[in-house]
Protein backbone atom coordinates (compact mmCIF):
# COMPACT_ATOMS: atom_id res chain seq x y z
CA MET A 1 127.85 96.74 96.38
CA ASN A 2 124.92 96.22 98.77
CA LEU A 3 121.97 98.39 99.73
CA ILE A 4 121.70 97.74 103.45
CA SER A 5 121.21 101.30 104.67
CA SER A 6 120.18 104.67 103.31
CA LEU A 7 123.57 105.73 104.66
CA ASP A 8 125.11 103.57 101.89
CA LEU A 9 123.77 106.12 99.41
CA ASP A 10 124.99 109.51 98.33
CA LEU A 11 123.53 112.10 95.96
CA PRO A 12 125.18 110.74 92.78
CA LYS A 13 123.95 107.20 93.57
CA ILE A 14 120.40 108.43 94.24
CA ARG A 15 120.43 110.42 90.99
CA LYS A 16 121.66 107.36 89.07
CA ILE A 17 118.89 105.19 90.51
CA PHE A 18 116.28 107.86 89.69
CA SER A 19 117.63 108.18 86.16
CA ILE A 20 117.30 104.44 85.60
CA ALA A 21 113.78 104.51 87.10
CA ASP A 22 112.80 107.33 84.75
CA SER A 23 113.74 105.16 81.80
CA PHE A 24 111.04 102.68 82.82
CA GLY A 25 108.22 104.65 84.41
CA ILE A 26 105.62 102.17 85.61
CA ALA A 27 105.32 100.50 82.21
CA ARG A 28 106.64 97.04 81.51
CA ALA A 29 110.21 96.90 80.30
CA ILE A 30 110.72 96.21 76.61
CA LYS A 31 114.36 95.24 76.94
CA MET A 32 115.29 92.31 79.18
CA PRO A 33 118.64 93.26 80.74
CA CYS A 34 118.31 90.69 83.54
CA THR A 35 117.64 87.65 81.34
CA GLY A 36 119.03 84.62 83.14
CA LYS A 37 119.44 86.49 86.44
CA ILE A 38 117.86 85.09 89.60
CA MET A 39 116.88 86.91 92.78
CA ALA A 40 116.32 85.23 96.15
CA LEU A 41 113.75 86.89 98.40
CA LEU A 42 114.58 85.78 101.96
CA PHE A 43 111.78 87.08 104.18
CA GLU A 44 111.21 86.73 107.94
CA LYS A 45 108.28 89.20 107.95
CA PRO A 46 105.05 89.44 105.95
CA SER A 47 105.07 91.60 102.83
CA THR A 48 102.73 92.59 100.04
CA ARG A 49 104.06 95.64 98.17
CA THR A 50 107.78 95.02 98.62
CA ARG A 51 107.64 91.35 97.76
CA VAL A 52 105.34 91.71 94.75
CA SER A 53 107.08 94.80 93.37
CA PHE A 54 110.50 93.13 93.60
CA GLU A 55 109.21 89.95 91.96
CA ALA A 56 107.45 91.97 89.26
CA ALA A 57 110.54 94.11 88.74
CA MET A 58 112.82 91.13 88.20
CA SER A 59 110.26 89.43 85.96
CA GLN A 60 109.80 92.52 83.80
CA LEU A 61 113.57 92.82 83.48
CA GLY A 62 113.71 89.26 82.16
CA GLY A 63 114.91 87.51 85.31
CA SER A 64 113.23 85.28 87.86
CA SER A 65 112.76 85.14 91.62
CA ILE A 66 112.70 82.51 94.34
CA TYR A 67 110.76 83.33 97.49
CA ILE A 68 112.15 81.83 100.70
CA ASP A 69 110.11 81.97 103.90
CA SER A 70 112.78 81.83 106.60
CA SER A 71 110.47 79.80 108.87
CA THR A 72 110.46 76.94 106.35
CA SER A 73 114.16 77.18 105.49
CA GLN A 74 117.11 75.64 107.28
CA LEU A 75 117.50 78.92 109.18
CA SER A 76 114.64 77.67 111.35
CA ARG A 77 116.77 74.67 112.27
CA GLY A 78 119.86 76.60 113.25
CA GLU A 79 121.82 77.20 110.04
CA THR A 80 123.73 80.46 110.37
CA LEU A 81 122.92 83.47 108.23
CA GLN A 82 126.45 83.56 106.85
CA ASP A 83 126.25 79.90 105.80
CA THR A 84 122.88 80.51 104.18
CA ALA A 85 124.22 83.56 102.35
CA ARG A 86 127.27 81.69 101.13
CA VAL A 87 125.13 78.91 99.67
CA LEU A 88 122.53 81.24 98.15
CA SER A 89 125.32 83.21 96.49
CA SER A 90 126.26 80.11 94.50
CA TYR A 91 122.69 79.83 93.16
CA VAL A 92 121.43 83.41 92.66
CA ASP A 93 122.68 86.79 91.48
CA VAL A 94 121.11 89.03 94.14
CA ILE A 95 119.45 88.59 97.53
CA SER A 96 116.61 90.77 98.81
CA ALA A 97 116.04 90.19 102.52
CA ARG A 98 113.38 91.32 104.98
CA MET A 99 114.49 90.64 108.55
CA TYR A 100 113.47 91.54 112.06
CA ARG A 101 116.92 92.71 113.14
CA ASP A 102 119.25 95.01 111.25
CA THR A 103 122.22 93.13 112.67
CA ASP A 104 120.96 89.99 110.94
CA ILE A 105 120.89 91.50 107.45
CA ARG A 106 124.42 92.74 108.02
CA GLU A 107 125.46 89.23 108.98
CA LEU A 108 123.77 87.92 105.85
CA ALA A 109 125.62 90.46 103.72
CA ALA A 110 128.91 89.51 105.35
CA GLY A 111 128.50 85.94 104.11
CA ALA A 112 127.20 86.80 100.63
CA SER A 113 129.27 87.25 97.49
CA VAL A 114 126.32 88.75 95.57
CA PRO A 115 124.53 92.07 96.22
CA VAL A 116 122.22 92.12 99.24
CA ILE A 117 119.22 94.48 99.41
CA ASN A 118 117.53 95.52 102.63
CA ALA A 119 113.80 94.98 102.05
CA LEU A 120 113.09 96.20 105.62
CA THR A 121 114.55 95.64 109.07
CA ASP A 122 113.73 97.05 112.49
CA LEU A 123 116.10 99.95 111.79
CA GLU A 124 115.65 100.90 108.13
CA HIS A 125 113.62 100.61 104.94
CA PRO A 126 115.94 102.16 102.30
CA CYS A 127 114.05 100.95 99.21
CA GLN A 128 110.84 102.48 100.55
CA ALA A 129 112.61 105.79 101.17
CA LEU A 130 113.91 105.88 97.62
CA SER A 131 110.37 105.31 96.31
CA ASP A 132 109.05 108.00 98.65
CA VAL A 133 111.57 110.64 97.65
CA TYR A 134 111.15 109.76 93.97
CA THR A 135 107.39 110.28 94.39
CA ILE A 136 107.88 113.63 96.12
CA GLU A 137 110.21 114.83 93.39
CA LYS A 138 107.67 113.86 90.72
CA ALA A 139 104.95 115.78 92.57
CA PHE A 140 106.91 118.93 93.41
CA GLY A 141 109.75 119.01 90.87
CA SER A 142 112.43 119.31 93.54
CA LEU A 143 112.96 118.63 97.24
CA LYS A 144 115.29 121.61 97.70
CA GLY A 145 113.91 123.67 100.58
CA LEU A 146 110.72 121.55 100.77
CA ARG A 147 109.52 120.89 104.30
CA ILE A 148 108.51 117.29 105.02
CA ALA A 149 106.78 116.22 108.23
CA PHE A 150 106.91 112.69 109.57
CA VAL A 151 104.05 112.23 112.03
CA GLY A 152 103.68 109.46 114.59
CA ASP A 153 106.39 106.96 115.48
CA ILE A 154 109.43 109.10 114.65
CA ALA A 155 111.71 106.29 115.87
CA ALA A 156 110.43 103.94 113.15
CA ASN A 157 112.52 102.37 110.38
CA THR A 158 110.66 104.36 107.70
CA ALA A 159 111.43 107.62 109.50
CA ASN A 160 115.14 106.77 109.72
CA SER A 161 115.52 106.03 106.03
CA LEU A 162 113.27 108.89 104.89
CA MET A 163 115.13 111.56 106.83
CA ILE A 164 118.49 110.47 105.39
CA THR A 165 117.35 110.17 101.78
CA ALA A 166 115.20 113.32 101.75
CA SER A 167 117.84 115.45 103.46
CA MET A 168 120.43 114.44 100.83
CA LEU A 169 118.15 116.06 98.25
CA GLY A 170 117.82 119.25 100.29
CA ALA A 171 114.49 118.75 102.07
CA GLU A 172 113.93 120.02 105.60
CA LEU A 173 112.49 117.51 108.10
CA SER A 174 109.93 118.03 110.84
CA LEU A 175 109.64 114.99 113.12
CA ILE A 176 106.40 115.07 115.12
CA GLY A 177 105.69 112.47 117.79
CA PRO A 178 104.74 111.99 121.43
CA THR A 179 107.08 112.55 124.33
CA GLY A 180 109.16 109.45 125.01
CA TYR A 181 109.42 108.43 121.36
CA SER A 182 112.55 110.25 120.30
CA PRO A 183 114.05 109.61 116.86
CA ASN A 184 117.27 107.67 116.44
CA THR A 185 120.10 110.09 117.25
CA ARG A 186 122.43 108.58 114.67
CA TYR A 187 120.00 109.27 111.83
CA VAL A 188 119.08 112.75 113.05
CA GLU A 189 122.76 113.69 113.21
CA ALA A 190 123.45 112.24 109.75
CA ALA A 191 120.44 114.01 108.19
CA SER A 192 121.38 117.28 109.93
CA ARG A 193 124.66 117.33 108.01
CA HIS A 194 122.63 117.81 104.83
CA SER A 195 119.66 119.87 105.95
CA MET A 196 117.58 121.08 108.89
CA VAL A 197 115.86 118.55 111.16
CA GLU A 198 113.41 119.72 113.81
CA ILE A 199 111.74 117.57 116.47
CA THR A 200 108.52 118.45 118.27
CA ASN A 201 105.58 116.83 120.03
CA ASP A 202 103.21 119.62 118.97
CA LEU A 203 101.28 118.66 115.82
CA LYS A 204 100.20 122.16 114.85
CA THR A 205 103.66 123.67 115.26
CA GLY A 206 105.39 120.80 113.50
CA LEU A 207 103.09 120.86 110.47
CA SER A 208 103.33 124.61 109.95
CA GLY A 209 104.92 125.33 106.56
CA CYS A 210 105.06 121.65 105.58
CA SER A 211 104.36 120.63 101.98
CA VAL A 212 104.40 116.90 102.69
CA ILE A 213 102.85 115.02 105.61
CA TYR A 214 104.09 111.46 105.97
CA THR A 215 102.68 108.90 108.36
CA ASP A 216 103.00 105.18 108.97
CA THR A 217 101.33 102.58 111.14
CA PHE A 218 101.51 103.18 114.89
CA ILE A 219 102.09 99.45 115.44
CA SER A 220 104.93 97.98 113.41
CA MET A 221 105.56 94.27 112.89
CA GLY A 222 106.89 92.81 116.14
CA GLN A 223 105.10 95.42 118.31
CA GLU A 224 101.74 93.68 118.49
CA LYS A 225 101.97 93.11 122.27
CA GLN A 226 102.22 96.90 122.71
CA ALA A 227 99.23 97.61 120.46
CA ALA A 228 96.78 98.94 123.07
CA GLN A 229 99.33 101.22 124.70
CA ARG A 230 100.68 102.52 121.39
CA ARG A 231 97.18 103.33 120.10
CA LYS A 232 96.60 105.39 123.23
CA THR A 233 100.01 107.09 123.09
CA PHE A 234 99.78 108.04 119.41
CA SER A 235 96.06 108.87 119.28
CA GLY A 236 96.74 112.61 119.11
CA TYR A 237 98.89 112.23 116.01
CA GLN A 238 96.32 111.02 113.52
CA VAL A 239 96.61 112.53 110.04
CA ASN A 240 93.10 113.79 109.35
CA GLY A 241 91.43 116.83 107.82
CA LYS A 242 92.23 118.99 110.84
CA ALA A 243 95.92 118.05 110.74
CA LEU A 244 96.05 118.70 107.00
CA GLY A 245 94.75 122.19 107.72
CA TYR A 246 97.83 122.97 109.83
CA ALA A 247 100.15 122.37 106.87
CA LYS A 248 100.94 124.53 103.88
CA LYS A 249 98.13 125.04 101.38
CA GLY A 250 98.27 122.30 98.74
CA ALA A 251 100.22 119.94 101.01
CA LYS A 252 100.38 116.29 100.02
CA VAL A 253 99.91 113.29 102.30
CA MET A 254 101.99 110.11 102.13
CA HIS A 255 101.70 106.67 103.69
CA CYS A 256 103.91 103.69 102.86
CA LEU A 257 101.01 101.28 103.50
CA PRO A 258 99.45 99.12 104.76
CA ALA A 259 97.23 101.74 106.38
CA HIS A 260 95.15 101.18 109.47
CA ARG A 261 92.26 103.43 108.54
CA GLY A 262 90.90 105.35 111.49
CA GLU A 263 94.13 105.00 113.47
CA GLU A 264 97.14 106.83 112.02
CA ILE A 265 95.14 108.22 109.06
CA THR A 266 91.50 108.71 108.13
CA SER A 267 90.01 107.28 104.94
CA ASP A 268 88.93 110.67 103.63
CA VAL A 269 92.55 111.86 103.68
CA LEU A 270 94.10 108.62 102.43
CA ASP A 271 91.66 108.48 99.50
CA GLY A 272 91.46 112.22 99.02
CA ARG A 273 92.96 114.63 96.49
CA SER A 274 95.94 115.36 98.75
CA SER A 275 97.05 111.73 98.95
CA LEU A 276 100.18 110.46 97.19
CA ALA A 277 99.98 107.04 98.85
CA TRP A 278 98.94 105.20 95.70
CA GLU A 279 101.65 106.89 93.61
CA GLN A 280 104.13 105.84 96.31
CA ALA A 281 103.04 102.23 95.98
CA ALA A 282 103.17 102.29 92.17
CA ASN A 283 106.63 103.88 92.16
CA LYS A 284 108.11 100.97 94.08
CA LEU A 285 108.17 99.07 90.77
CA PRO A 286 110.39 101.41 88.69
CA ILE A 287 112.58 102.18 91.70
CA GLU A 288 113.16 98.50 92.45
CA LYS A 289 113.93 97.82 88.80
CA ALA A 290 116.47 100.61 89.03
CA ILE A 291 117.97 99.28 92.27
CA LEU A 292 118.36 95.82 90.76
CA LEU A 293 119.96 97.13 87.57
CA TYR A 294 122.26 99.47 89.48
CA LEU A 295 123.50 96.84 91.94
CA LEU A 296 123.88 94.10 89.31
CA SER A 297 125.86 96.43 87.05
CA GLU A 298 128.13 97.37 89.94
CA ALA A 299 128.65 93.67 90.76
CA LYS A 300 130.12 92.88 87.33
């Protein structure tokens, strides 16, 4: 079994992963169920939280990791992804890959005989979404009927994965972004089968009744040439004190980080009492331990 997309999940699988995560919390594992196991981290894009949390997770489970920068691997000289995957599968027990294109991670998975984990592509970030939803559940007890707003680039990979995972647990989604930045229709339709998804370009209307406000950078990796235009386009969608006032009393704010303070979110909100951003980051560790254990057990 792989974890390439949030669409690979269902409610029983999510519950199983959460149950395993609960058995660890954010403390170091005492047992070492992955002793002798090796994970390859094949990354085309920069990473801090995802890379370190996966390496820490495998280490705390008793295994080890090998980081591979694709630019210094034979991929940079023309080796195919399927050939790379086939060879890596003879050395390691699981592959975590961060790639620019979603089609590339699918090609990698097609050549692998070990589990492949999507550590972010242009289309999805399923591990992040699991950490996010786990954090929300810890804060509110349940997502059933909870209204979650995603503000900013509602066509982003984080938005795609969040709407699928959160809707499976019964949350309602409010997608708030500027005209011309529509969310991915495939993900909206899939999430709508589980719960309500609304789309608006009006910040005040979209945040009304929301218990969670989620934002992400306005300029994702690979969009640097569009930076000036995107800052201008998204400037009215900053999560600040005024925006927080439009939401339900006691609403929480989330950001998957890294944050560009003063752009998509202000420091007073990110560091304030309403912020769950640091819990989100911490929860990547137990969730990624759980993902590793779940996939490796299914691969036996």
